[in-house]
Amino acid sequence: MSHHEVGQSDYGTGQKKLGMYLAGVISCIILTIIAFWAVLSDRFSRQEILIIIFSAAIIQFLVQVICFLRLTTETEQGKTNVMSFIFTGVILLCFVVGSLWIMNNLNYYTLI
């Protein structure tokens, strides 16, 4: 019986490293604290608070995708994963924008 080395597949995500997870957790905690601070302090207008919250949310989303899902372009499988992720985002954007466009036009056509 021959012994073959069976390596673990990484599916394009690379090696698991504790430092990457810790950086992700610390970054997410800091971004959450920034959003809470913006809301609880009386220094910003309502529009500025919304900009801070949405900015922190978008940055936190990217941190989670990179640190926890380990979405990278280091390998060929990783590049395929990134393209699949971008394609999914484009499809979701089309659904959301299309739905908003349809709902906006429904009000227009009922007035005619």
C-alpha atoms as a PDB file:
ATOM      1  CA  MET A   1       0.000   0.000   0.000  1.00  0.00           C
ATOM      2  CA  SER A   2       1.539   3.281  -1.033  1.00  0.00           C
ATOM      3  CA  HIS A   3       1.218   6.399   1.028  1.00  0.00           C
ATOM      4  CA  HIS A   4       0.262   9.514  -0.842  1.00  0.00           C
ATOM      5  CA  GLU A   5       0.551  12.884   0.747  1.00  0.00           C
ATOM      6  CA  VAL A   6      -2.883  14.339   0.992  1.00  0.00           C
ATOM      7  CA  GLY A   7      -2.651  18.105   1.396  1.00  0.00           C
ATOM      8  CA  GLN A   8      -5.515  20.188   2.596  1.00  0.00           C
ATOM      9  CA  SER A   9      -7.219  22.189  -0.103  1.00  0.00           C
ATOM     10  CA  ASP A  10      -7.254  25.896   0.594  1.00  0.00           C
ATOM     11  CA  TYR A  11      -9.877  26.722  -2.065  1.00  0.00           C
ATOM     12  CA  GLY A  12      -7.930  29.862  -2.952  1.00  0.00           C
ATOM     13  CA  THR A  13      -8.055  31.284   0.563  1.00  0.00           C
ATOM     14  CA  GLY A  14      -4.425  30.733   1.553  1.00  0.00           C
ATOM     15  CA  GLN A  15      -3.079  29.695   4.922  1.00  0.00           C
ATOM     16  CA  LYS A  16      -5.004  30.343   8.114  1.00  0.00           C
ATOM     17  CA  LYS A  17      -3.108  32.793  10.302  1.00  0.00           C
ATOM     18  CA  LEU A  18      -4.100  33.924  13.763  1.00  0.00           C
ATOM     19  CA  GLY A  19      -2.699  37.398  13.111  1.00  0.00           C
ATOM     20  CA  MET A  20      -5.130  37.968  10.237  1.00  0.00           C
ATOM     21  CA  TYR A  21      -8.095  37.010  12.421  1.00  0.00           C
ATOM     22  CA  LEU A  22      -6.911  39.228  15.281  1.00  0.00           C
ATOM     23  CA  ALA A  23      -6.415  42.165  12.913  1.00  0.00           C
ATOM     24  CA  GLY A  24      -9.959  41.616  11.617  1.00  0.00           C
ATOM     25  CA  VAL A  25     -11.490  41.466  15.081  1.00  0.00           C
ATOM     26  CA  ILE A  26      -9.650  44.557  16.298  1.00  0.00           C
ATOM     27  CA  SER A  27     -10.528  46.499  13.126  1.00  0.00           C
ATOM     28  CA  CYS A  28     -14.201  45.553  13.398  1.00  0.00           C
ATOM     29  CA  ILE A  29     -14.308  46.564  17.069  1.00  0.00           C
ATOM     30  CA  ILE A  30     -12.721  49.940  16.274  1.00  0.00           C
ATOM     31  CA  LEU A  31     -15.128  50.592  13.386  1.00  0.00           C
ATOM     32  CA  THR A  32     -18.113  49.667  15.574  1.00  0.00           C
ATOM     33  CA  ILE A  33     -16.901  52.006  18.319  1.00  0.00           C
ATOM     34  CA  ILE A  34     -16.514  54.815  15.760  1.00  0.00           C
ATOM     35  CA  ALA A  35     -20.126  54.352  14.620  1.00  0.00           C
ATOM     36  CA  PHE A  36     -21.419  54.291  18.220  1.00  0.00           C
ATOM     37  CA  TRP A  37     -19.357  57.346  19.117  1.00  0.00           C
ATOM     38  CA  ALA A  38     -20.749  59.268  16.136  1.00  0.00           C
ATOM     39  CA  VAL A  39     -24.298  58.526  17.230  1.00  0.00           C
ATOM     40  CA  LEU A  40     -23.833  59.136  20.950  1.00  0.00           C
ATOM     41  CA  SER A  41     -21.869  62.379  20.649  1.00  0.00           C
ATOM     42  CA  ASP A  42     -23.656  65.605  19.871  1.00  0.00           C
ATOM     43  CA  ARG A  43     -20.927  66.838  17.531  1.00  0.00           C
ATOM     44  CA  PHE A  44     -22.373  65.854  14.156  1.00  0.00           C
ATOM     45  CA  SER A  45     -25.483  66.638  12.155  1.00  0.00           C
ATOM     46  CA  ARG A  46     -27.855  63.868  11.134  1.00  0.00           C
ATOM     47  CA  GLN A  47     -26.408  63.722   7.614  1.00  0.00           C
ATOM     48  CA  GLU A  48     -22.843  63.526   8.914  1.00  0.00           C
ATOM     49  CA  ILE A  49     -23.831  60.709  11.286  1.00  0.00           C
ATOM     50  CA  LEU A  50     -25.329  58.732   8.411  1.00  0.00           C
ATOM     51  CA  ILE A  51     -22.192  59.243   6.327  1.00  0.00           C
ATOM     52  CA  ILE A  52     -19.994  58.059   9.213  1.00  0.00           C
ATOM     53  CA  ILE A  53     -22.177  55.000   9.863  1.00  0.00           C
ATOM     54  CA  PHE A  54     -22.353  53.955   6.217  1.00  0.00           C
ATOM     55  CA  SER A  55     -18.629  54.538   5.719  1.00  0.00           C
ATOM     56  CA  ALA A  56     -17.787  52.458   8.783  1.00  0.00           C
ATOM     57  CA  ALA A  57     -20.184  49.734   7.613  1.00  0.00           C
ATOM     58  CA  ILE A  58     -18.641  49.542   4.141  1.00  0.00           C
ATOM     59  CA  ILE A  59     -15.112  49.461   5.546  1.00  0.00           C
ATOM     60  CA  GLN A  60     -16.141  46.823   8.092  1.00  0.00           C
ATOM     61  CA  PHE A  61     -17.669  44.711   5.323  1.00  0.00           C
ATOM     62  CA  LEU A  62     -14.421  44.838   3.359  1.00  0.00           C
ATOM     63  CA  VAL A  63     -12.381  44.001   6.481  1.00  0.00           C
ATOM     64  CA  GLN A  64     -14.578  40.977   7.170  1.00  0.00           C
ATOM     65  CA  VAL A  65     -14.360  39.752   3.595  1.00  0.00           C
ATOM     66  CA  ILE A  66     -10.578  40.065   3.536  1.00  0.00           C
ATOM     67  CA  CYS A  67      -9.755  38.938   7.081  1.00  0.00           C
ATOM     68  CA  PHE A  68     -12.396  36.303   7.838  1.00  0.00           C
ATOM     69  CA  LEU A  69     -13.332  34.954   4.405  1.00  0.00           C
ATOM     70  CA  ARG A  70      -9.703  35.440   3.295  1.00  0.00           C
ATOM     71  CA  LEU A  71     -10.705  36.540  -0.180  1.00  0.00           C
ATOM     72  CA  THR A  72      -7.389  37.092  -1.977  1.00  0.00           C
ATOM     73  CA  THR A  73      -5.987  37.010  -5.494  1.00  0.00           C
ATOM     74  CA  GLU A  74      -2.791  35.131  -4.630  1.00  0.00           C
ATOM     75  CA  THR A  75      -3.807  31.888  -6.366  1.00  0.00           C
ATOM     76  CA  GLU A  76      -5.793  31.069  -9.490  1.00  0.00           C
ATOM     77  CA  GLN A  77      -8.665  29.731  -7.366  1.00  0.00           C
ATOM     78  CA  GLY A  78      -8.523  32.934  -5.310  1.00  0.00           C
ATOM     79  CA  LYS A  79      -8.872  35.030  -8.468  1.00  0.00           C
ATOM     80  CA  THR A  80     -11.893  32.958  -9.460  1.00  0.00           C
ATOM     81  CA  ASN A  81     -13.381  33.511  -5.999  1.00  0.00           C
ATOM     82  CA  VAL A  82     -12.898  37.285  -6.284  1.00  0.00           C
ATOM     83  CA  MET A  83     -14.527  37.371  -9.725  1.00  0.00           C
ATOM     84  CA  SER A  84     -17.470  35.320  -8.423  1.00  0.00           C
ATOM     85  CA  PHE A  85     -17.811  37.717  -5.487  1.00  0.00           C
ATOM     86  CA  ILE A  86     -17.784  40.764  -7.788  1.00  0.00           C
ATOM     87  CA  PHE A  87     -20.309  39.140 -10.134  1.00  0.00           C
ATOM     88  CA  THR A  88     -22.619  38.435  -7.190  1.00  0.00           C
ATOM     89  CA  GLY A  89     -22.331  42.081  -6.127  1.00  0.00           C
ATOM     90  CA  VAL A  90     -23.198  43.302  -9.631  1.00  0.00           C
ATOM     91  CA  ILE A  91     -26.261  41.046  -9.782  1.00  0.00           C
ATOM     92  CA  LEU A  92     -27.437  42.221  -6.348  1.00  0.00           C
ATOM     93  CA  LEU A  93     -26.889  45.844  -7.361  1.00  0.00           C
ATOM     94  CA  CYS A  94     -28.986  45.279 -10.505  1.00  0.00           C
ATOM     95  CA  PHE A  95     -31.790  43.775  -8.424  1.00  0.00           C
ATOM     96  CA  VAL A  96     -31.818  46.594  -5.888  1.00  0.00           C
ATOM     97  CA  VAL A  97     -31.526  49.450  -8.406  1.00  0.00           C
ATOM     98  CA  GLY A  98     -34.062  47.810 -10.716  1.00  0.00           C
ATOM     99  CA  SER A  99     -36.531  47.323  -7.874  1.00  0.00           C
ATOM    100  CA  LEU A 100     -36.169  50.936  -6.763  1.00  0.00           C
ATOM    101  CA  TRP A 101     -36.602  52.116 -10.351  1.00  0.00           C
ATOM    102  CA  ILE A 102     -39.774  50.038 -10.771  1.00  0.00           C
ATOM    103  CA  MET A 103     -41.223  51.252  -7.464  1.00  0.00           C
ATOM    104  CA  ASN A 104     -40.488  54.851  -8.415  1.00  0.00           C
ATOM    105  CA  ASN A 105     -42.200  54.445 -11.793  1.00  0.00           C
ATOM    106  CA  LEU A 106     -45.280  52.807 -10.247  1.00  0.00           C
ATOM    107  CA  ASN A 107     -46.169  56.097  -8.597  1.00  0.00           C
ATOM    108  CA  TYR A 108     -45.638  57.955 -11.900  1.00  0.00           C
ATOM    109  CA  TYR A 109     -47.989  55.744 -13.920  1.00  0.00           C
ATOM    110  CA  THR A 110     -50.807  55.866 -11.349  1.00  0.00           C
ATOM    111  CA  LEU A 111     -51.018  59.636 -11.703  1.00  0.00           C
ATOM    112  CA  ILE A 112     -51.671  59.573 -15.450  1.00  0.00           C
END
